[in-house]
Amino acid sequence: MTIDFLDPRGEPETVPVPYDLHADLAGPATVALLANGFPDSVAFLDQVEAALGSLRPELGFARYDKGNASSIADDEMLDSIAGECNALVAAYGH
């Protein structure tokens, strides 16, 4: 009796494209932290802020919370993020 092991991963049909979007955080900058409303998304972003803050103490942080995972960030929130922040970290939790 032989046992055959099959690799469940498929072969990609598209060529990977590097993600080149970035934010210039060379000087003083503000990073938006957006929780999506799932449980623990705020707690997760607390840890992200602590980790980034310890690596880059000059960074400022602005906190945002959609409050409900099924809703989208409204225009007012997006305008606030775009006007006040240089980068955005969006997070979810479960």
PDB file of N, CA and C in Angstrom:
ATOM      1  N   MET A   1       0.852  -1.178   0.000  1.00  0.00           N
ATOM      2  CA  MET A   1       0.000   0.000   0.000  1.00  0.00           C
ATOM      3  C   MET A   1       0.897   1.240   0.000  1.00  0.00           C
ATOM      4  N   THR A   2       0.596   2.187  -0.846  1.00  0.00           N
ATOM      5  CA  THR A   2       1.335   3.447  -0.885  1.00  0.00           C
ATOM      6  C   THR A   2       0.386   4.579  -0.525  1.00  0.00           C
ATOM      7  N   ILE A   3       0.979   5.560   0.059  1.00  0.00           N
ATOM      8  CA  ILE A   3       0.213   6.765   0.411  1.00  0.00           C
ATOM      9  C   ILE A   3       0.763   7.907  -0.424  1.00  0.00           C
ATOM     10  N   ASP A   4      -0.116   8.568  -1.148  1.00  0.00           N
ATOM     11  CA  ASP A   4       0.265   9.729  -1.949  1.00  0.00           C
ATOM     12  C   ASP A   4      -0.174  10.985  -1.215  1.00  0.00           C
ATOM     13  N   PHE A   5       0.751  11.915  -1.084  1.00  0.00           N
ATOM     14  CA  PHE A   5       0.440  13.201  -0.474  1.00  0.00           C
ATOM     15  C   PHE A   5       0.286  14.226  -1.594  1.00  0.00           C
ATOM     16  N   LEU A   6      -0.804  14.929  -1.594  1.00  0.00           N
ATOM     17  CA  LEU A   6      -1.081  15.930  -2.613  1.00  0.00           C
ATOM     18  C   LEU A   6      -0.939  17.315  -2.014  1.00  0.00           C
ATOM     19  N   ASP A   7      -0.296  18.201  -2.737  1.00  0.00           N
ATOM     20  CA  ASP A   7      -0.154  19.593  -2.321  1.00  0.00           C
ATOM     21  C   ASP A   7      -1.439  20.320  -2.716  1.00  0.00           C
ATOM     22  N   PRO A   8      -2.210  20.829  -1.749  1.00  0.00           N
ATOM     23  CA  PRO A   8      -3.498  21.447  -2.076  1.00  0.00           C
ATOM     24  C   PRO A   8      -3.380  22.841  -2.699  1.00  0.00           C
ATOM     25  N   ARG A   9      -2.174  23.388  -2.727  1.00  0.00           N
ATOM     26  CA  ARG A   9      -2.023  24.733  -3.293  1.00  0.00           C
ATOM     27  C   ARG A   9      -2.043  24.654  -4.817  1.00  0.00           C
ATOM     28  N   GLY A  10      -2.802  25.504  -5.418  1.00  0.00           N
ATOM     29  CA  GLY A  10      -2.853  25.566  -6.869  1.00  0.00           C
ATOM     30  C   GLY A  10      -1.721  26.416  -7.422  1.00  0.00           C
ATOM     31  N   GLU A  11      -1.492  26.279  -8.681  1.00  0.00           N
ATOM     32  CA  GLU A  11      -0.506  27.105  -9.364  1.00  0.00           C
ATOM     33  C   GLU A  11      -1.162  28.428  -9.751  1.00  0.00           C
ATOM     34  N   PRO A  12      -0.560  29.568  -9.392  1.00  0.00           N
ATOM     35  CA  PRO A  12      -1.165  30.857  -9.760  1.00  0.00           C
ATOM     36  C   PRO A  12      -1.166  31.043 -11.274  1.00  0.00           C
ATOM     37  N   GLU A  13      -2.247  31.626 -11.759  1.00  0.00           N
ATOM     38  CA  GLU A  13      -2.361  31.893 -13.191  1.00  0.00           C
ATOM     39  C   GLU A  13      -1.974  33.322 -13.542  1.00  0.00           C
ATOM     40  N   THR A  14      -1.815  34.161 -12.537  1.00  0.00           N
ATOM     41  CA  THR A  14      -1.432  35.545 -12.803  1.00  0.00           C
ATOM     42  C   THR A  14      -0.058  35.806 -12.201  1.00  0.00           C
ATOM     43  N   VAL A  15       0.641  36.721 -12.817  1.00  0.00           N
ATOM     44  CA  VAL A  15       1.961  37.093 -12.327  1.00  0.00           C
ATOM     45  C   VAL A  15       1.793  38.051 -11.148  1.00  0.00           C
ATOM     46  N   PRO A  16       2.467  37.817 -10.027  1.00  0.00           N
ATOM     47  CA  PRO A  16       2.355  38.745  -8.896  1.00  0.00           C
ATOM     48  C   PRO A  16       2.872  40.129  -9.265  1.00  0.00           C
ATOM     49  N   VAL A  17       2.174  41.147  -8.796  1.00  0.00           N
ATOM     50  CA  VAL A  17       2.570  42.533  -9.029  1.00  0.00           C
ATOM     51  C   VAL A  17       2.943  43.134  -7.681  1.00  0.00           C
ATOM     52  N   PRO A  18       4.151  43.655  -7.549  1.00  0.00           N
ATOM     53  CA  PRO A  18       4.546  44.250  -6.254  1.00  0.00           C
ATOM     54  C   PRO A  18       3.614  45.387  -5.864  1.00  0.00           C
ATOM     55  N   TYR A  19       3.324  45.464  -4.587  1.00  0.00           N
ATOM     56  CA  TYR A  19       2.491  46.521  -4.021  1.00  0.00           C
ATOM     57  C   TYR A  19       3.407  47.697  -3.728  1.00  0.00           C
ATOM     58  N   ASP A  20       3.278  48.766  -4.507  1.00  0.00           N
ATOM     59  CA  ASP A  20       4.231  49.868  -4.361  1.00  0.00           C
ATOM     60  C   ASP A  20       3.648  51.131  -3.730  1.00  0.00           C
ATOM     61  N   LEU A  21       2.442  51.050  -3.229  1.00  0.00           N
ATOM     62  CA  LEU A  21       1.847  52.192  -2.544  1.00  0.00           C
ATOM     63  C   LEU A  21       2.555  52.352  -1.192  1.00  0.00           C
ATOM     64  N   HIS A  22       2.935  53.570  -0.865  1.00  0.00           N
ATOM     65  CA  HIS A  22       3.631  53.804   0.389  1.00  0.00           C
ATOM     66  C   HIS A  22       3.361  55.228   0.876  1.00  0.00           C
ATOM     67  N   ALA A  23       3.693  55.458   2.105  1.00  0.00           N
ATOM     68  CA  ALA A  23       3.544  56.784   2.694  1.00  0.00           C
ATOM     69  C   ALA A  23       4.918  57.290   3.100  1.00  0.00           C
ATOM     70  N   ASP A  24       5.144  58.566   2.913  1.00  0.00           N
ATOM     71  CA  ASP A  24       6.407  59.172   3.326  1.00  0.00           C
ATOM     72  C   ASP A  24       6.307  59.532   4.803  1.00  0.00           C
ATOM     73  N   LEU A  25       6.988  58.760   5.624  1.00  0.00           N
ATOM     74  CA  LEU A  25       6.976  59.005   7.064  1.00  0.00           C
ATOM     75  C   LEU A  25       8.349  59.437   7.545  1.00  0.00           C
ATOM     76  N   ALA A  26       9.088  60.120   6.655  1.00  0.00           N
ATOM     77  CA  ALA A  26      10.463  60.527   6.972  1.00  0.00           C
ATOM     78  C   ALA A  26      10.517  61.547   8.101  1.00  0.00           C
ATOM     79  N   GLY A  27       9.590  62.453   8.157  1.00  0.00           N
ATOM     80  CA  GLY A  27       9.598  63.472   9.209  1.00  0.00           C
ATOM     81  C   GLY A  27       8.464  63.225  10.178  1.00  0.00           C
ATOM     82  N   PRO A  28       8.083  64.236  10.926  1.00  0.00           N
ATOM     83  CA  PRO A  28       6.924  64.076  11.805  1.00  0.00           C
ATOM     84  C   PRO A  28       5.689  63.730  10.968  1.00  0.00           C
ATOM     85  N   ALA A  29       4.971  62.740  11.381  1.00  0.00           N
ATOM     86  CA  ALA A  29       3.815  62.289  10.607  1.00  0.00           C
ATOM     87  C   ALA A  29       2.763  61.743  11.560  1.00  0.00           C
ATOM     88  N   THR A  30       1.540  61.694  11.053  1.00  0.00           N
ATOM     89  CA  THR A  30       0.430  61.137  11.821  1.00  0.00           C
ATOM     90  C   THR A  30      -0.104  59.916  11.089  1.00  0.00           C
ATOM     91  N   VAL A  31      -0.239  58.838  11.829  1.00  0.00           N
ATOM     92  CA  VAL A  31      -0.761  57.593  11.278  1.00  0.00           C
ATOM     93  C   VAL A  31      -2.176  57.386  11.809  1.00  0.00           C
ATOM     94  N   ALA A  32      -3.131  57.209  10.909  1.00  0.00           N
ATOM     95  CA  ALA A  32      -4.502  56.909  11.303  1.00  0.00           C
ATOM     96  C   ALA A  32      -4.603  55.418  11.605  1.00  0.00           C
ATOM     97  N   LEU A  33      -5.307  55.086  12.672  1.00  0.00           N
ATOM     98  CA  LEU A  33      -5.572  53.703  13.038  1.00  0.00           C
ATOM     99  C   LEU A  33      -7.083  53.522  13.009  1.00  0.00           C
ATOM    100  N   LEU A  34      -7.568  52.739  12.051  1.00  0.00           N
ATOM    101  CA  LEU A  34      -9.006  52.591  11.824  1.00  0.00           C
ATOM    102  C   LEU A  34      -9.467  51.196  12.219  1.00  0.00           C
ATOM    103  N   ALA A  35     -10.254  51.117  13.279  1.00  0.00           N
ATOM    104  CA  ALA A  35     -10.863  49.856  13.704  1.00  0.00           C
ATOM    105  C   ALA A  35     -12.157  49.681  12.921  1.00  0.00           C
ATOM    106  N   ASN A  36     -12.440  48.448  12.536  1.00  0.00           N
ATOM    107  CA  ASN A  36     -13.609  48.238  11.690  1.00  0.00           C
ATOM    108  C   ASN A  36     -14.864  47.839  12.445  1.00  0.00           C
ATOM    109  N   GLY A  37     -14.783  47.707  13.747  1.00  0.00           N
ATOM    110  CA  GLY A  37     -15.979  47.384  14.513  1.00  0.00           C
ATOM    111  C   GLY A  37     -16.093  45.927  14.919  1.00  0.00           C
ATOM    112  N   PHE A  38     -15.233  45.054  14.425  1.00  0.00           N
ATOM    113  CA  PHE A  38     -15.236  43.675  14.910  1.00  0.00           C
ATOM    114  C   PHE A  38     -14.653  43.651  16.324  1.00  0.00           C
ATOM    115  N   PRO A  39     -15.038  42.660  17.121  1.00  0.00           N
ATOM    116  CA  PRO A  39     -14.457  42.552  18.457  1.00  0.00           C
ATOM    117  C   PRO A  39     -12.937  42.493  18.387  1.00  0.00           C
ATOM    118  N   ASP A  40     -12.306  43.171  19.286  1.00  0.00           N
ATOM    119  CA  ASP A  40     -10.849  43.197  19.439  1.00  0.00           C
ATOM    120  C   ASP A  40     -10.108  44.011  18.382  1.00  0.00           C
ATOM    121  N   SER A  41     -10.796  44.639  17.445  1.00  0.00           N
ATOM    122  CA  SER A  41     -10.064  45.455  16.467  1.00  0.00           C
ATOM    123  C   SER A  41      -9.420  46.663  17.149  1.00  0.00           C
ATOM    124  N   VAL A  42     -10.077  47.241  18.145  1.00  0.00           N
ATOM    125  CA  VAL A  42      -9.495  48.369  18.880  1.00  0.00           C
ATOM    126  C   VAL A  42      -8.299  47.885  19.702  1.00  0.00           C
ATOM    127  N   ALA A  43      -8.457  46.746  20.378  1.00  0.00           N
ATOM    128  CA  ALA A  43      -7.352  46.196  21.176  1.00  0.00           C
ATOM    129  C   ALA A  43      -6.156  45.857  20.295  1.00  0.00           C
ATOM    130  N   PHE A  44      -6.421  45.340  19.104  1.00  0.00           N
ATOM    131  CA  PHE A  44      -5.330  45.038  18.181  1.00  0.00           C
ATOM    132  C   PHE A  44      -4.594  46.318  17.793  1.00  0.00           C
ATOM    133  N   LEU A  45      -5.350  47.385  17.503  1.00  0.00           N
ATOM    134  CA  LEU A  45      -4.718  48.648  17.125  1.00  0.00           C
ATOM    135  C   LEU A  45      -3.985  49.290  18.298  1.00  0.00           C
ATOM    136  N   ASP A  46      -4.408  49.017  19.514  1.00  0.00           N
ATOM    137  CA  ASP A  46      -3.629  49.468  20.679  1.00  0.00           C
ATOM    138  C   ASP A  46      -2.220  48.884  20.602  1.00  0.00           C
ATOM    139  N   GLN A  47      -2.134  47.618  20.247  1.00  0.00           N
ATOM    140  CA  GLN A  47      -0.836  46.954  20.146  1.00  0.00           C
ATOM    141  C   GLN A  47      -0.036  47.473  18.947  1.00  0.00           C
ATOM    142  N   VAL A  48      -0.714  47.743  17.831  1.00  0.00           N
ATOM    143  CA  VAL A  48      -0.040  48.312  16.661  1.00  0.00           C
ATOM    144  C   VAL A  48       0.547  49.671  17.016  1.00  0.00           C
ATOM    145  N   GLU A  49      -0.238  50.510  17.697  1.00  0.00           N
ATOM    146  CA  GLU A  49       0.251  51.829  18.099  1.00  0.00           C
ATOM    147  C   GLU A  49       1.449  51.717  19.033  1.00  0.00           C
ATOM    148  N   ALA A  50       1.375  50.811  19.995  1.00  0.00           N
ATOM    149  CA  ALA A  50       2.492  50.634  20.926  1.00  0.00           C
ATOM    150  C   ALA A  50       3.750  50.176  20.196  1.00  0.00           C
ATOM    151  N   ALA A  51       3.600  49.246  19.263  1.00  0.00           N
ATOM    152  CA  ALA A  51       4.758  48.728  18.528  1.00  0.00           C
ATOM    153  C   ALA A  51       5.357  49.799  17.621  1.00  0.00           C
ATOM    154  N   LEU A  52       4.504  50.489  16.848  1.00  0.00           N
ATOM    155  CA  LEU A  52       5.014  51.542  15.968  1.00  0.00           C
ATOM    156  C   LEU A  52       5.608  52.695  16.768  1.00  0.00           C
ATOM    157  N   GLY A  53       4.941  53.045  17.866  1.00  0.00           N
ATOM    158  CA  GLY A  53       5.420  54.135  18.703  1.00  0.00           C
ATOM    159  C   GLY A  53       6.772  53.846  19.328  1.00  0.00           C
ATOM    160  N   SER A  54       7.028  52.584  19.661  1.00  0.00           N
ATOM    161  CA  SER A  54       8.329  52.255  20.236  1.00  0.00           C
ATOM    162  C   SER A  54       9.429  52.287  19.180  1.00  0.00           C
ATOM    163  N   LEU A  55       9.071  51.968  17.933  1.00  0.00           N
ATOM    164  CA  LEU A  55      10.052  52.022  16.838  1.00  0.00           C
ATOM    165  C   LEU A  55      10.251  53.433  16.315  1.00  0.00           C
ATOM    166  N   ARG A  56       9.162  54.205  16.284  1.00  0.00           N
ATOM    167  CA  ARG A  56       9.190  55.561  15.735  1.00  0.00           C
ATOM    168  C   ARG A  56       8.470  56.504  16.684  1.00  0.00           C
ATOM    169  N   PRO A  57       9.152  56.925  17.775  1.00  0.00           N
ATOM    170  CA  PRO A  57       8.483  57.754  18.785  1.00  0.00           C
ATOM    171  C   PRO A  57       8.014  59.112  18.272  1.00  0.00           C
ATOM    172  N   GLU A  58       8.551  59.556  17.140  1.00  0.00           N
ATOM    173  CA  GLU A  58       8.131  60.856  16.598  1.00  0.00           C
ATOM    174  C   GLU A  58       6.781  60.800  15.892  1.00  0.00           C
ATOM    175  N   LEU A  59       6.262  59.608  15.655  1.00  0.00           N
ATOM    176  CA  LEU A  59       4.965  59.484  14.985  1.00  0.00           C
ATOM    177  C   LEU A  59       3.834  59.870  15.927  1.00  0.00           C
ATOM    178  N   GLY A  60       2.834  60.514  15.361  1.00  0.00           N
ATOM    179  CA  GLY A  60       1.592  60.763  16.079  1.00  0.00           C
ATOM    180  C   GLY A  60       0.551  59.784  15.571  1.00  0.00           C
ATOM    181  N   PHE A  61      -0.496  59.574  16.343  1.00  0.00           N
ATOM    182  CA  PHE A  61      -1.538  58.632  15.956  1.00  0.00           C
ATOM    183  C   PHE A  61      -2.897  59.266  16.135  1.00  0.00           C
ATOM    184  N   ALA A  62      -3.801  58.984  15.215  1.00  0.00           N
ATOM    185  CA  ALA A  62      -5.190  59.423  15.300  1.00  0.00           C
ATOM    186  C   ALA A  62      -6.050  58.166  15.220  1.00  0.00           C
ATOM    187  N   ARG A  63      -6.979  58.030  16.151  1.00  0.00           N
ATOM    188  CA  ARG A  63      -7.793  56.817  16.231  1.00  0.00           C
ATOM    189  C   ARG A  63      -9.161  57.062  15.612  1.00  0.00           C
ATOM    190  N   TYR A  64      -9.602  56.089  14.840  1.00  0.00           N
ATOM    191  CA  TYR A  64     -10.918  56.111  14.221  1.00  0.00           C
ATOM    192  C   TYR A  64     -11.548  54.745  14.422  1.00  0.00           C
ATOM    193  N   ASP A  65     -12.879  54.713  14.516  1.00  0.00           N
ATOM    194  CA  ASP A  65     -13.575  53.443  14.711  1.00  0.00           C
ATOM    195  C   ASP A  65     -14.906  53.518  13.974  1.00  0.00           C
ATOM    196  N   LYS A  66     -15.090  52.612  13.020  1.00  0.00           N
ATOM    197  CA  LYS A  66     -16.365  52.566  12.299  1.00  0.00           C
ATOM    198  C   LYS A  66     -17.501  52.180  13.227  1.00  0.00           C
ATOM    199  N   GLY A  67     -17.194  51.401  14.257  1.00  0.00           N
ATOM    200  CA  GLY A  67     -18.206  51.020  15.230  1.00  0.00           C
ATOM    201  C   GLY A  67     -19.057  49.840  14.825  1.00  0.00           C
ATOM    202  N   ASN A  68     -19.157  49.582  13.547  1.00  0.00           N
ATOM    203  CA  ASN A  68     -19.987  48.484  13.059  1.00  0.00           C
ATOM    204  C   ASN A  68     -19.303  47.889  11.837  1.00  0.00           C
ATOM    205  N   ALA A  69     -18.960  46.624  11.911  1.00  0.00           N
ATOM    206  CA  ALA A  69     -18.216  45.983  10.828  1.00  0.00           C
ATOM    207  C   ALA A  69     -18.989  45.935   9.514  1.00  0.00           C
ATOM    208  N   SER A  70     -20.298  46.024   9.569  1.00  0.00           N
ATOM    209  CA  SER A  70     -21.082  45.935   8.335  1.00  0.00           C
ATOM    210  C   SER A  70     -21.256  47.286   7.639  1.00  0.00           C
ATOM    211  N   SER A  71     -20.812  48.364   8.273  1.00  0.00           N
ATOM    212  CA  SER A  71     -20.946  49.685   7.648  1.00  0.00           C
ATOM    213  C   SER A  71     -19.630  50.090   6.989  1.00  0.00           C
ATOM    214  N   ILE A  72     -19.718  51.045   6.090  1.00  0.00           N
ATOM    215  CA  ILE A  72     -18.515  51.580   5.458  1.00  0.00           C
ATOM    216  C   ILE A  72     -18.103  52.861   6.170  1.00  0.00           C
ATOM    217  N   ALA A  73     -16.851  53.220   6.028  1.00  0.00           N
ATOM    218  CA  ALA A  73     -16.395  54.502   6.573  1.00  0.00           C
ATOM    219  C   ALA A  73     -17.062  55.606   5.761  1.00  0.00           C
ATOM    220  N   ASP A  74     -17.738  56.517   6.428  1.00  0.00           N
ATOM    221  CA  ASP A  74     -18.461  57.566   5.710  1.00  0.00           C
ATOM    222  C   ASP A  74     -17.505  58.638   5.195  1.00  0.00           C
ATOM    223  N   ASP A  75     -18.022  59.490   4.330  1.00  0.00           N
ATOM    224  CA  ASP A  75     -17.203  60.534   3.704  1.00  0.00           C
ATOM    225  C   ASP A  75     -16.580  61.462   4.737  1.00  0.00           C
ATOM    226  N   GLU A  76     -17.313  61.785   5.801  1.00  0.00           N
ATOM    227  CA  GLU A  76     -16.782  62.676   6.840  1.00  0.00           C
ATOM    228  C   GLU A  76     -15.547  62.062   7.499  1.00  0.00           C
ATOM    229  N   MET A  77     -15.615  60.772   7.824  1.00  0.00           N
ATOM    230  CA  MET A  77     -14.480  60.096   8.436  1.00  0.00           C
ATOM    231  C   MET A  77     -13.306  60.024   7.461  1.00  0.00           C
ATOM    232  N   LEU A  78     -13.580  59.669   6.218  1.00  0.00           N
ATOM    233  CA  LEU A  78     -12.516  59.580   5.217  1.00  0.00           C
ATOM    234  C   LEU A  78     -11.867  60.933   4.972  1.00  0.00           C
ATOM    235  N   ASP A  79     -12.675  61.996   4.923  1.00  0.00           N
ATOM    236  CA  ASP A  79     -12.121  63.343   4.756  1.00  0.00           C
ATOM    237  C   ASP A  79     -11.241  63.725   5.938  1.00  0.00           C
ATOM    238  N   SER A  80     -11.665  63.369   7.134  1.00  0.00           N
ATOM    239  CA  SER A  80     -10.878  63.652   8.329  1.00  0.00           C
ATOM    240  C   SER A  80      -9.550  62.911   8.287  1.00  0.00           C
ATOM    241  N   ILE A  81      -9.579  61.638   7.930  1.00  0.00           N
ATOM    242  CA  ILE A  81      -8.349  60.850   7.842  1.00  0.00           C
ATOM    243  C   ILE A  81      -7.418  61.441   6.789  1.00  0.00           C
ATOM    244  N   ALA A  82      -7.959  61.733   5.626  1.00  0.00           N
ATOM    245  CA  ALA A  82      -7.133  62.269   4.530  1.00  0.00           C
ATOM    246  C   ALA A  82      -6.554  63.636   4.881  1.00  0.00           C
ATOM    247  N   GLY A  83      -7.311  64.448   5.615  1.00  0.00           N
ATOM    248  CA  GLY A  83      -6.848  65.783   5.955  1.00  0.00           C
ATOM    249  C   GLY A  83      -5.856  65.835   7.106  1.00  0.00           C
ATOM    250  N   GLU A  84      -5.914  64.870   7.994  1.00  0.00           N
ATOM    251  CA  GLU A  84      -5.105  64.910   9.210  1.00  0.00           C
ATOM    252  C   GLU A  84      -3.935  63.936   9.232  1.00  0.00           C
ATOM    253  N   CYS A  85      -3.962  62.934   8.350  1.00  0.00           N
ATOM    254  CA  CYS A  85      -3.014  61.828   8.502  1.00  0.00           C
ATOM    255  C   CYS A  85      -2.192  61.595   7.241  1.00  0.00           C
ATOM    256  N   ASN A  86      -1.005  61.042   7.436  1.00  0.00           N
ATOM    257  CA  ASN A  86      -0.103  60.724   6.331  1.00  0.00           C
ATOM    258  C   ASN A  86      -0.191  59.269   5.904  1.00  0.00           C
ATOM    259  N   ALA A  87      -0.732  58.430   6.762  1.00  0.00           N
ATOM    260  CA  ALA A  87      -0.841  57.000   6.475  1.00  0.00           C
ATOM    261  C   ALA A  87      -2.022  56.437   7.259  1.00  0.00           C
ATOM    262  N   LEU A  88      -2.478  55.254   6.846  1.00  0.00           N
ATOM    263  CA  LEU A  88      -3.617  54.618   7.489  1.00  0.00           C
ATOM    264  C   LEU A  88      -3.330  53.137   7.692  1.00  0.00           C
ATOM    265  N   VAL A  89      -3.616  52.662   8.886  1.00  0.00           N
ATOM    266  CA  VAL A  89      -3.622  51.224   9.172  1.00  0.00           C
ATOM    267  C   VAL A  89      -5.064  50.867   9.495  1.00  0.00           C
ATOM    268  N   ALA A  90      -5.656  50.027   8.668  1.00  0.00           N
ATOM    269  CA  ALA A  90      -7.020  49.553   8.902  1.00  0.00           C
ATOM    270  C   ALA A  90      -6.926  48.157   9.492  1.00  0.00           C
ATOM    271  N   ALA A  91      -7.723  47.865  10.495  1.00  0.00           N
ATOM    272  CA  ALA A  91      -7.606  46.578  11.170  1.00  0.00           C
ATOM    273  C   ALA A  91      -8.978  45.977  11.414  1.00  0.00           C
ATOM    274  N   TYR A  92      -8.956  44.677  11.572  1.00  0.00           N
ATOM    275  CA  TYR A  92     -10.147  43.956  11.935  1.00  0.00           C
ATOM    276  C   TYR A  92      -9.814  43.016  13.079  1.00  0.00           C
ATOM    277  N   GLY A  93     -10.813  42.525  13.739  1.00  0.00           N
ATOM    278  CA  GLY A  93     -10.608  41.589  14.832  1.00  0.00           C
ATOM    279  C   GLY A  93     -11.729  40.580  14.875  1.00  0.00           C
ATOM    280  N   HIS A  94     -11.526  39.531  15.604  1.00  0.00           N
ATOM    281  CA  HIS A  94     -12.572  38.498  15.788  1.00  0.00           C
ATOM    282  C   HIS A  94     -12.399  37.858  17.128  1.00  0.00           C
TER     283      HIS A  94
END
